[in-house]
Amino acid sequence: MHRYTIEVDGRRFVIDVAERGAERFAVQVDGQSFDVTLAGREELGGEGAVRLVPSAAPAAMNLTAPPAPAAPPAAAHDGVLRAPMPGVILRVLVAPGVCVSRGQDLAVLEAMKMENIIRAPQDATVAEVLVRPGQHVSHGTALLRLEAATP
């Protein structure tokens, strides 16, 4: 596996690349995994360059876009916010009973030496905090349970 750090518009990205076979790679960009196939080779200024194209073009490959909220949208349906990637909980910023607004910071998850903010997907009340600072979590681990705000 090879690790690269690139900078795009002042933002740094850590990219891990592992060869999976002839012209196939597993690429992880800022904690998001992609299956990548080699689309072609080009010569640029005497140096060989490889252009990698994701086999499925996810929106996350737009590296210049601001990061999306860390909580997956599906988590809002059952009220449980889940870890978007494995890591360590650095801080929990809310407590049960606290009313939160959509986009409000709820917790901070460290993954690949980067802090990822878990934000509220909607206006809600924190019903339960299911993690504590220092806790290691896996992808999909329940972090918080929210109850929808009543109008």
N, C-alpha and C. Protein backbone atom coordinates (compact mmCIF):
# COMPACT_ATOMS: atom_id res chain seq x y z
N MET A 1 0.86 -1.18 0.00
CA MET A 1 0.00 0.00 0.00
C MET A 1 0.90 1.23 0.00
N HIS A 2 0.45 2.25 -0.72
CA HIS A 2 1.17 3.52 -0.78
C HIS A 2 0.28 4.61 -0.21
N ARG A 3 0.87 5.55 0.52
CA ARG A 3 0.13 6.67 1.07
C ARG A 3 0.67 7.95 0.46
N TYR A 4 -0.26 8.80 -0.01
CA TYR A 4 0.08 10.08 -0.61
C TYR A 4 -0.68 11.16 0.14
N THR A 5 -0.06 12.33 0.25
CA THR A 5 -0.76 13.50 0.78
C THR A 5 -0.77 14.53 -0.33
N ILE A 6 -1.97 14.99 -0.69
CA ILE A 6 -2.09 16.00 -1.74
C ILE A 6 -2.78 17.22 -1.15
N GLU A 7 -2.59 18.34 -1.81
CA GLU A 7 -3.24 19.56 -1.39
C GLU A 7 -4.03 20.11 -2.57
N VAL A 8 -5.32 20.39 -2.33
CA VAL A 8 -6.21 20.93 -3.35
C VAL A 8 -6.89 22.16 -2.75
N ASP A 9 -6.68 23.31 -3.36
CA ASP A 9 -7.26 24.56 -2.88
C ASP A 9 -7.03 24.77 -1.39
N GLY A 10 -5.82 24.48 -0.93
CA GLY A 10 -5.47 24.71 0.46
C GLY A 10 -5.91 23.63 1.42
N ARG A 11 -6.64 22.62 0.95
CA ARG A 11 -7.07 21.51 1.80
C ARG A 11 -6.17 20.31 1.55
N ARG A 12 -5.79 19.63 2.62
CA ARG A 12 -4.94 18.44 2.49
C ARG A 12 -5.79 17.19 2.51
N PHE A 13 -5.41 16.23 1.68
CA PHE A 13 -6.08 14.94 1.60
C PHE A 13 -5.04 13.84 1.72
N VAL A 14 -5.34 12.82 2.51
CA VAL A 14 -4.49 11.65 2.60
C VAL A 14 -5.12 10.58 1.73
N ILE A 15 -4.33 10.01 0.82
CA ILE A 15 -4.84 9.01 -0.12
C ILE A 15 -4.02 7.74 0.05
N ASP A 16 -4.69 6.64 0.35
CA ASP A 16 -4.06 5.33 0.44
C ASP A 16 -4.45 4.53 -0.79
N VAL A 17 -3.45 3.92 -1.45
CA VAL A 17 -3.69 3.16 -2.67
C VAL A 17 -3.11 1.76 -2.49
N ALA A 18 -3.97 0.76 -2.70
CA ALA A 18 -3.53 -0.64 -2.62
C ALA A 18 -3.89 -1.32 -3.93
N GLU A 19 -2.93 -2.05 -4.51
CA GLU A 19 -3.18 -2.76 -5.77
C GLU A 19 -4.01 -4.00 -5.47
N ARG A 20 -5.08 -4.20 -6.25
CA ARG A 20 -5.99 -5.34 -6.06
C ARG A 20 -5.91 -6.33 -7.21
N GLY A 21 -5.11 -6.05 -8.20
CA GLY A 21 -4.99 -6.92 -9.36
C GLY A 21 -4.56 -6.09 -10.54
N ALA A 22 -4.56 -6.72 -11.69
CA ALA A 22 -4.16 -6.01 -12.90
C ALA A 22 -5.10 -4.85 -13.15
N GLU A 23 -4.57 -3.64 -13.09
CA GLU A 23 -5.30 -2.41 -13.37
C GLU A 23 -6.46 -2.14 -12.42
N ARG A 24 -6.47 -2.74 -11.24
CA ARG A 24 -7.51 -2.50 -10.23
C ARG A 24 -6.85 -2.10 -8.92
N PHE A 25 -7.44 -1.11 -8.26
CA PHE A 25 -6.89 -0.58 -7.03
C PHE A 25 -8.00 -0.32 -6.01
N ALA A 26 -7.64 -0.39 -4.74
CA ALA A 26 -8.52 0.09 -3.67
C ALA A 26 -7.92 1.41 -3.23
N VAL A 27 -8.71 2.47 -3.30
CA VAL A 27 -8.23 3.80 -2.98
C VAL A 27 -9.09 4.36 -1.85
N GLN A 28 -8.42 4.88 -0.84
CA GLN A 28 -9.14 5.51 0.27
C GLN A 28 -8.73 6.98 0.30
N VAL A 29 -9.73 7.86 0.17
CA VAL A 29 -9.52 9.30 0.17
C VAL A 29 -10.24 9.87 1.37
N ASP A 30 -9.46 10.39 2.31
CA ASP A 30 -10.05 11.00 3.51
C ASP A 30 -11.05 10.07 4.19
N GLY A 31 -10.74 8.80 4.27
CA GLY A 31 -11.61 7.86 4.97
C GLY A 31 -12.71 7.25 4.13
N GLN A 32 -12.86 7.67 2.88
CA GLN A 32 -13.88 7.10 2.01
C GLN A 32 -13.21 6.16 1.01
N SER A 33 -13.76 4.96 0.87
CA SER A 33 -13.15 3.94 0.02
C SER A 33 -13.78 3.91 -1.36
N PHE A 34 -12.92 3.66 -2.37
CA PHE A 34 -13.37 3.57 -3.75
C PHE A 34 -12.67 2.41 -4.42
N ASP A 35 -13.39 1.69 -5.29
CA ASP A 35 -12.80 0.70 -6.17
C ASP A 35 -12.43 1.46 -7.44
N VAL A 36 -11.17 1.33 -7.87
CA VAL A 36 -10.68 2.13 -8.98
C VAL A 36 -10.09 1.20 -10.04
N THR A 37 -10.36 1.52 -11.31
CA THR A 37 -9.75 0.78 -12.41
C THR A 37 -8.88 1.74 -13.21
N LEU A 38 -7.81 1.22 -13.77
CA LEU A 38 -6.89 2.02 -14.57
C LEU A 38 -7.56 2.32 -15.90
N ALA A 39 -7.72 3.62 -16.24
CA ALA A 39 -8.40 4.02 -17.45
C ALA A 39 -7.44 4.22 -18.61
N GLY A 40 -6.17 4.47 -18.31
CA GLY A 40 -5.21 4.70 -19.37
C GLY A 40 -3.92 5.25 -18.82
N ARG A 41 -2.93 5.31 -19.67
CA ARG A 41 -1.64 5.87 -19.28
C ARG A 41 -1.29 7.00 -20.23
N GLU A 42 -0.67 8.03 -19.70
CA GLU A 42 -0.25 9.17 -20.51
C GLU A 42 1.17 9.54 -20.13
N GLU A 43 1.91 10.03 -21.09
CA GLU A 43 3.25 10.53 -20.83
C GLU A 43 3.17 12.03 -20.66
N LEU A 44 3.66 12.53 -19.55
CA LEU A 44 3.65 13.97 -19.27
C LEU A 44 5.08 14.41 -18.97
N GLY A 45 5.66 15.21 -19.84
CA GLY A 45 6.98 15.77 -19.60
C GLY A 45 8.05 14.73 -19.32
N GLY A 46 7.95 13.58 -19.96
CA GLY A 46 8.97 12.57 -19.77
C GLY A 46 8.72 11.65 -18.58
N GLU A 47 7.82 12.04 -17.69
CA GLU A 47 7.52 11.18 -16.55
C GLU A 47 6.24 10.41 -16.85
N GLY A 48 6.20 9.15 -16.49
CA GLY A 48 4.98 8.36 -16.67
C GLY A 48 3.92 8.83 -15.70
N ALA A 49 2.70 8.94 -16.17
CA ALA A 49 1.59 9.35 -15.32
C ALA A 49 0.46 8.36 -15.49
N VAL A 50 -0.17 8.03 -14.41
CA VAL A 50 -1.29 7.11 -14.45
C VAL A 50 -2.53 7.90 -14.06
N ARG A 51 -3.55 7.84 -14.88
CA ARG A 51 -4.81 8.52 -14.59
C ARG A 51 -5.78 7.47 -14.07
N LEU A 52 -6.19 7.59 -12.81
CA LEU A 52 -7.10 6.64 -12.20
C LEU A 52 -8.51 7.21 -12.22
N VAL A 53 -9.45 6.39 -12.65
CA VAL A 53 -10.84 6.81 -12.73
C VAL A 53 -11.66 5.85 -11.89
N PRO A 54 -12.50 6.35 -10.98
CA PRO A 54 -13.29 5.44 -10.16
C PRO A 54 -14.23 4.61 -11.03
N SER A 55 -14.40 3.33 -10.66
CA SER A 55 -15.28 2.46 -11.43
C SER A 55 -16.73 2.90 -11.31
N ALA A 56 -17.09 3.51 -10.22
CA ALA A 56 -18.38 4.16 -10.06
C ALA A 56 -18.05 5.59 -9.66
N ALA A 57 -18.56 6.57 -10.35
CA ALA A 57 -18.16 7.96 -10.10
C ALA A 57 -18.92 8.55 -8.92
N PRO A 58 -18.41 8.40 -7.70
CA PRO A 58 -19.09 8.97 -6.54
C PRO A 58 -18.89 10.48 -6.46
N ALA A 59 -19.85 11.15 -5.90
CA ALA A 59 -19.77 12.60 -5.76
C ALA A 59 -18.59 12.99 -4.88
N ALA A 60 -18.18 12.10 -3.97
CA ALA A 60 -17.09 12.42 -3.04
C ALA A 60 -15.76 12.62 -3.75
N MET A 61 -15.63 12.21 -5.02
CA MET A 61 -14.38 12.41 -5.73
C MET A 61 -14.17 13.86 -6.12
N ASN A 62 -15.15 14.71 -5.95
CA ASN A 62 -14.98 16.14 -6.19
C ASN A 62 -14.24 16.71 -4.99
N LEU A 63 -12.90 16.68 -5.05
CA LEU A 63 -12.09 17.04 -3.90
C LEU A 63 -12.13 18.52 -3.58
N THR A 64 -12.58 19.35 -4.49
CA THR A 64 -12.61 20.78 -4.20
C THR A 64 -13.89 21.19 -3.50
N ALA A 65 -14.87 20.33 -3.43
CA ALA A 65 -16.12 20.67 -2.76
C ALA A 65 -15.91 20.65 -1.25
N PRO A 66 -16.65 21.47 -0.50
CA PRO A 66 -16.53 21.43 0.95
C PRO A 66 -17.01 20.08 1.46
N PRO A 67 -16.47 19.61 2.58
CA PRO A 67 -16.87 18.30 3.08
C PRO A 67 -18.34 18.27 3.47
N ALA A 68 -18.98 17.16 3.16
CA ALA A 68 -20.38 16.98 3.55
C ALA A 68 -20.44 16.68 5.04
N PRO A 69 -21.60 16.89 5.66
CA PRO A 69 -21.71 16.50 7.06
C PRO A 69 -21.35 15.04 7.21
N ALA A 70 -20.66 14.72 8.28
CA ALA A 70 -20.13 13.37 8.47
C ALA A 70 -21.21 12.32 8.67
N ALA A 71 -22.35 12.72 9.20
CA ALA A 71 -23.41 11.74 9.44
C ALA A 71 -24.08 11.36 8.13
N PRO A 72 -24.21 10.06 7.86
CA PRO A 72 -24.87 9.66 6.62
C PRO A 72 -26.35 10.01 6.65
N PRO A 73 -26.92 10.44 5.52
CA PRO A 73 -28.31 10.85 5.51
C PRO A 73 -29.27 9.78 6.01
N ALA A 74 -29.00 8.52 5.74
CA ALA A 74 -29.90 7.45 6.16
C ALA A 74 -30.02 7.37 7.68
N ALA A 75 -29.01 7.87 8.40
CA ALA A 75 -29.04 7.78 9.85
C ALA A 75 -30.18 8.61 10.45
N ALA A 76 -30.63 9.62 9.73
CA ALA A 76 -31.67 10.49 10.26
C ALA A 76 -33.02 9.79 10.33
N HIS A 77 -33.23 8.74 9.54
CA HIS A 77 -34.53 8.08 9.50
C HIS A 77 -34.89 7.41 10.81
N ASP A 78 -33.94 6.73 11.43
CA ASP A 78 -34.24 6.05 12.69
C ASP A 78 -33.80 6.87 13.90
N GLY A 79 -33.23 8.04 13.66
CA GLY A 79 -32.81 8.91 14.75
C GLY A 79 -31.44 8.58 15.29
N VAL A 80 -30.80 7.54 14.79
CA VAL A 80 -29.49 7.14 15.29
C VAL A 80 -28.41 7.65 14.33
N LEU A 81 -27.47 8.41 14.87
CA LEU A 81 -26.33 8.86 14.08
C LEU A 81 -25.22 7.83 14.25
N ARG A 82 -24.66 7.38 13.14
CA ARG A 82 -23.65 6.32 13.16
C ARG A 82 -22.30 6.84 12.66
N ALA A 83 -21.25 6.19 13.11
CA ALA A 83 -19.90 6.58 12.69
C ALA A 83 -19.75 6.36 11.19
N PRO A 84 -19.33 7.39 10.44
CA PRO A 84 -19.16 7.25 9.00
C PRO A 84 -17.89 6.50 8.63
N MET A 85 -17.02 6.28 9.62
CA MET A 85 -15.75 5.58 9.38
C MET A 85 -15.20 5.13 10.73
N PRO A 86 -14.27 4.19 10.75
CA PRO A 86 -13.67 3.81 12.02
C PRO A 86 -12.79 4.93 12.56
N GLY A 87 -12.67 5.03 13.87
CA GLY A 87 -11.83 6.06 14.46
C GLY A 87 -11.98 6.09 15.96
N VAL A 88 -11.59 7.22 16.54
CA VAL A 88 -11.65 7.43 17.99
C VAL A 88 -12.47 8.68 18.26
N ILE A 89 -13.40 8.58 19.19
CA ILE A 89 -14.18 9.75 19.59
C ILE A 89 -13.27 10.68 20.39
N LEU A 90 -13.07 11.91 19.91
CA LEU A 90 -12.26 12.88 20.63
C LEU A 90 -13.09 13.68 21.62
N ARG A 91 -14.26 14.14 21.15
CA ARG A 91 -15.11 14.97 22.00
C ARG A 91 -16.58 14.70 21.70
N VAL A 92 -17.39 14.73 22.74
CA VAL A 92 -18.85 14.73 22.60
C VAL A 92 -19.28 16.11 23.05
N LEU A 93 -19.96 16.84 22.17
CA LEU A 93 -20.25 18.26 22.40
C LEU A 93 -21.65 18.52 22.92
N VAL A 94 -22.45 17.46 23.11
CA VAL A 94 -23.83 17.61 23.57
C VAL A 94 -24.12 16.59 24.66
N ALA A 95 -25.26 16.78 25.30
CA ALA A 95 -25.71 15.86 26.35
C ALA A 95 -27.18 15.54 26.11
N PRO A 96 -27.68 14.46 26.69
CA PRO A 96 -29.11 14.15 26.54
C PRO A 96 -29.98 15.32 27.00
N GLY A 97 -31.04 15.54 26.24
CA GLY A 97 -31.98 16.61 26.56
C GLY A 97 -31.69 17.93 25.87
N VAL A 98 -30.53 18.07 25.26
CA VAL A 98 -30.16 19.31 24.59
C VAL A 98 -30.85 19.38 23.24
N CYS A 99 -31.43 20.53 22.92
CA CYS A 99 -32.03 20.77 21.60
C CYS A 99 -30.92 21.24 20.66
N VAL A 100 -30.86 20.64 19.47
CA VAL A 100 -29.82 20.99 18.50
C VAL A 100 -30.47 21.41 17.19
N SER A 101 -29.74 22.21 16.44
CA SER A 101 -30.20 22.69 15.14
C SER A 101 -29.49 21.92 14.04
N ARG A 102 -30.15 21.83 12.89
CA ARG A 102 -29.54 21.16 11.73
C ARG A 102 -28.17 21.77 11.47
N GLY A 103 -27.15 20.91 11.31
CA GLY A 103 -25.80 21.36 11.03
C GLY A 103 -24.96 21.63 12.26
N GLN A 104 -25.54 21.59 13.43
CA GLN A 104 -24.81 21.85 14.67
C GLN A 104 -23.82 20.72 14.95
N ASP A 105 -22.62 21.08 15.43
CA ASP A 105 -21.61 20.09 15.78
C ASP A 105 -22.07 19.30 17.01
N LEU A 106 -21.99 17.96 16.90
CA LEU A 106 -22.42 17.09 18.00
C LEU A 106 -21.26 16.33 18.63
N ALA A 107 -20.31 15.90 17.79
CA ALA A 107 -19.17 15.13 18.28
C ALA A 107 -18.03 15.26 17.29
N VAL A 108 -16.83 14.88 17.75
CA VAL A 108 -15.66 14.93 16.88
C VAL A 108 -15.04 13.54 16.89
N LEU A 109 -14.84 12.99 15.68
CA LEU A 109 -14.28 11.67 15.47
C LEU A 109 -12.94 11.82 14.77
N GLU A 110 -11.88 11.27 15.35
CA GLU A 110 -10.58 11.30 14.69
C GLU A 110 -10.41 10.02 13.88
N ALA A 111 -10.07 10.20 12.60
CA ALA A 111 -9.81 9.07 11.72
C ALA A 111 -8.66 9.47 10.80
N MET A 112 -7.69 8.63 10.66
CA MET A 112 -6.53 8.89 9.80
C MET A 112 -5.90 10.24 10.13
N LYS A 113 -5.75 10.54 11.40
CA LYS A 113 -5.12 11.76 11.90
C LYS A 113 -5.87 13.03 11.52
N MET A 114 -7.15 12.89 11.17
CA MET A 114 -7.96 14.07 10.84
C MET A 114 -9.18 14.10 11.75
N GLU A 115 -9.59 15.29 12.13
CA GLU A 115 -10.79 15.45 12.94
C GLU A 115 -12.00 15.57 12.01
N ASN A 116 -13.00 14.73 12.24
CA ASN A 116 -14.23 14.73 11.46
C ASN A 116 -15.37 15.12 12.38
N ILE A 117 -16.10 16.13 12.01
CA ILE A 117 -17.18 16.62 12.85
C ILE A 117 -18.47 15.91 12.48
N ILE A 118 -19.13 15.38 13.49
CA ILE A 118 -20.44 14.76 13.32
C ILE A 118 -21.46 15.86 13.59
N ARG A 119 -22.31 16.13 12.59
CA ARG A 119 -23.26 17.24 12.70
C ARG A 119 -24.69 16.72 12.71
N ALA A 120 -25.56 17.51 13.29
CA ALA A 120 -26.98 17.16 13.34
C ALA A 120 -27.58 17.24 11.93
N PRO A 121 -28.25 16.18 11.48
CA PRO A 121 -28.85 16.19 10.14
C PRO A 121 -30.15 16.98 10.09
N GLN A 122 -30.69 17.32 11.25
CA GLN A 122 -31.98 18.03 11.33
C GLN A 122 -32.12 18.66 12.71
N ASP A 123 -33.10 19.54 12.87
CA ASP A 123 -33.41 20.05 14.19
C ASP A 123 -33.93 18.89 15.02
N ALA A 124 -33.42 18.75 16.24
CA ALA A 124 -33.79 17.58 17.05
C ALA A 124 -33.43 17.82 18.51
N THR A 125 -33.77 16.84 19.34
CA THR A 125 -33.37 16.80 20.73
C THR A 125 -32.48 15.58 20.91
N VAL A 126 -31.37 15.73 21.61
CA VAL A 126 -30.49 14.59 21.87
C VAL A 126 -31.19 13.70 22.89
N ALA A 127 -31.54 12.50 22.48
CA ALA A 127 -32.22 11.56 23.37
C ALA A 127 -31.21 10.74 24.17
N GLU A 128 -30.08 10.41 23.51
CA GLU A 128 -29.12 9.52 24.16
C GLU A 128 -27.75 9.71 23.53
N VAL A 129 -26.72 9.74 24.37
CA VAL A 129 -25.33 9.75 23.90
C VAL A 129 -24.81 8.34 24.13
N LEU A 130 -24.36 7.69 23.06
CA LEU A 130 -23.99 6.27 23.13
C LEU A 130 -22.48 6.01 23.14
N VAL A 131 -21.68 7.08 23.11
CA VAL A 131 -20.22 6.95 23.10
C VAL A 131 -19.61 7.91 24.10
N ARG A 132 -18.32 7.72 24.37
CA ARG A 132 -17.59 8.61 25.28
C ARG A 132 -16.24 8.97 24.66
N PRO A 133 -15.66 10.09 25.05
CA PRO A 133 -14.35 10.46 24.52
C PRO A 133 -13.33 9.35 24.79
N GLY A 134 -12.48 9.11 23.79
CA GLY A 134 -11.46 8.08 23.90
C GLY A 134 -11.91 6.72 23.40
N GLN A 135 -13.20 6.58 23.13
CA GLN A 135 -13.74 5.29 22.69
C GLN A 135 -13.41 5.06 21.22
N HIS A 136 -12.93 3.85 20.91
CA HIS A 136 -12.70 3.44 19.52
C HIS A 136 -14.03 2.97 18.95
N VAL A 137 -14.35 3.40 17.73
CA VAL A 137 -15.60 3.00 17.09
C VAL A 137 -15.31 2.45 15.70
N SER A 138 -16.18 1.57 15.24
CA SER A 138 -16.09 1.01 13.90
C SER A 138 -17.05 1.77 13.00
N HIS A 139 -16.90 1.57 11.69
CA HIS A 139 -17.86 2.15 10.75
C HIS A 139 -19.25 1.64 11.11
N GLY A 140 -20.20 2.55 11.25
CA GLY A 140 -21.58 2.16 11.54
C GLY A 140 -21.93 2.08 13.02
N THR A 141 -20.96 2.29 13.91
CA THR A 141 -21.25 2.26 15.34
C THR A 141 -22.21 3.39 15.69
N ALA A 142 -23.24 3.09 16.47
CA ALA A 142 -24.20 4.11 16.91
C ALA A 142 -23.50 5.10 17.84
N LEU A 143 -23.60 6.39 17.54
CA LEU A 143 -22.96 7.43 18.34
C LEU A 143 -23.95 8.17 19.23
N LEU A 144 -25.05 8.60 18.63
CA LEU A 144 -26.07 9.39 19.33
C LEU A 144 -27.44 8.99 18.82
N ARG A 145 -28.44 9.18 19.67
CA ARG A 145 -29.82 8.99 19.21
C ARG A 145 -30.54 10.31 19.36
N LEU A 146 -31.15 10.75 18.27
CA LEU A 146 -31.88 12.02 18.25
C LEU A 146 -33.38 11.77 18.12
N GLU A 147 -34.14 12.68 18.70
CA GLU A 147 -35.60 12.66 18.50
C GLU A 147 -35.94 13.92 17.72
N ALA A 148 -36.74 13.76 16.70
CA ALA A 148 -37.11 14.89 15.85
C ALA A 148 -37.76 15.99 16.68
N ALA A 149 -37.43 17.22 16.35
CA ALA A 149 -38.03 18.36 17.03
C ALA A 149 -39.49 18.47 16.63
N THR A 150 -40.35 18.76 17.59
CA THR A 150 -41.77 18.92 17.28
C THR A 150 -42.05 20.38 17.00
N PRO A 151 -42.81 20.65 15.94
CA PRO A 151 -43.07 22.05 15.55
C PRO A 151 -43.94 22.77 16.55
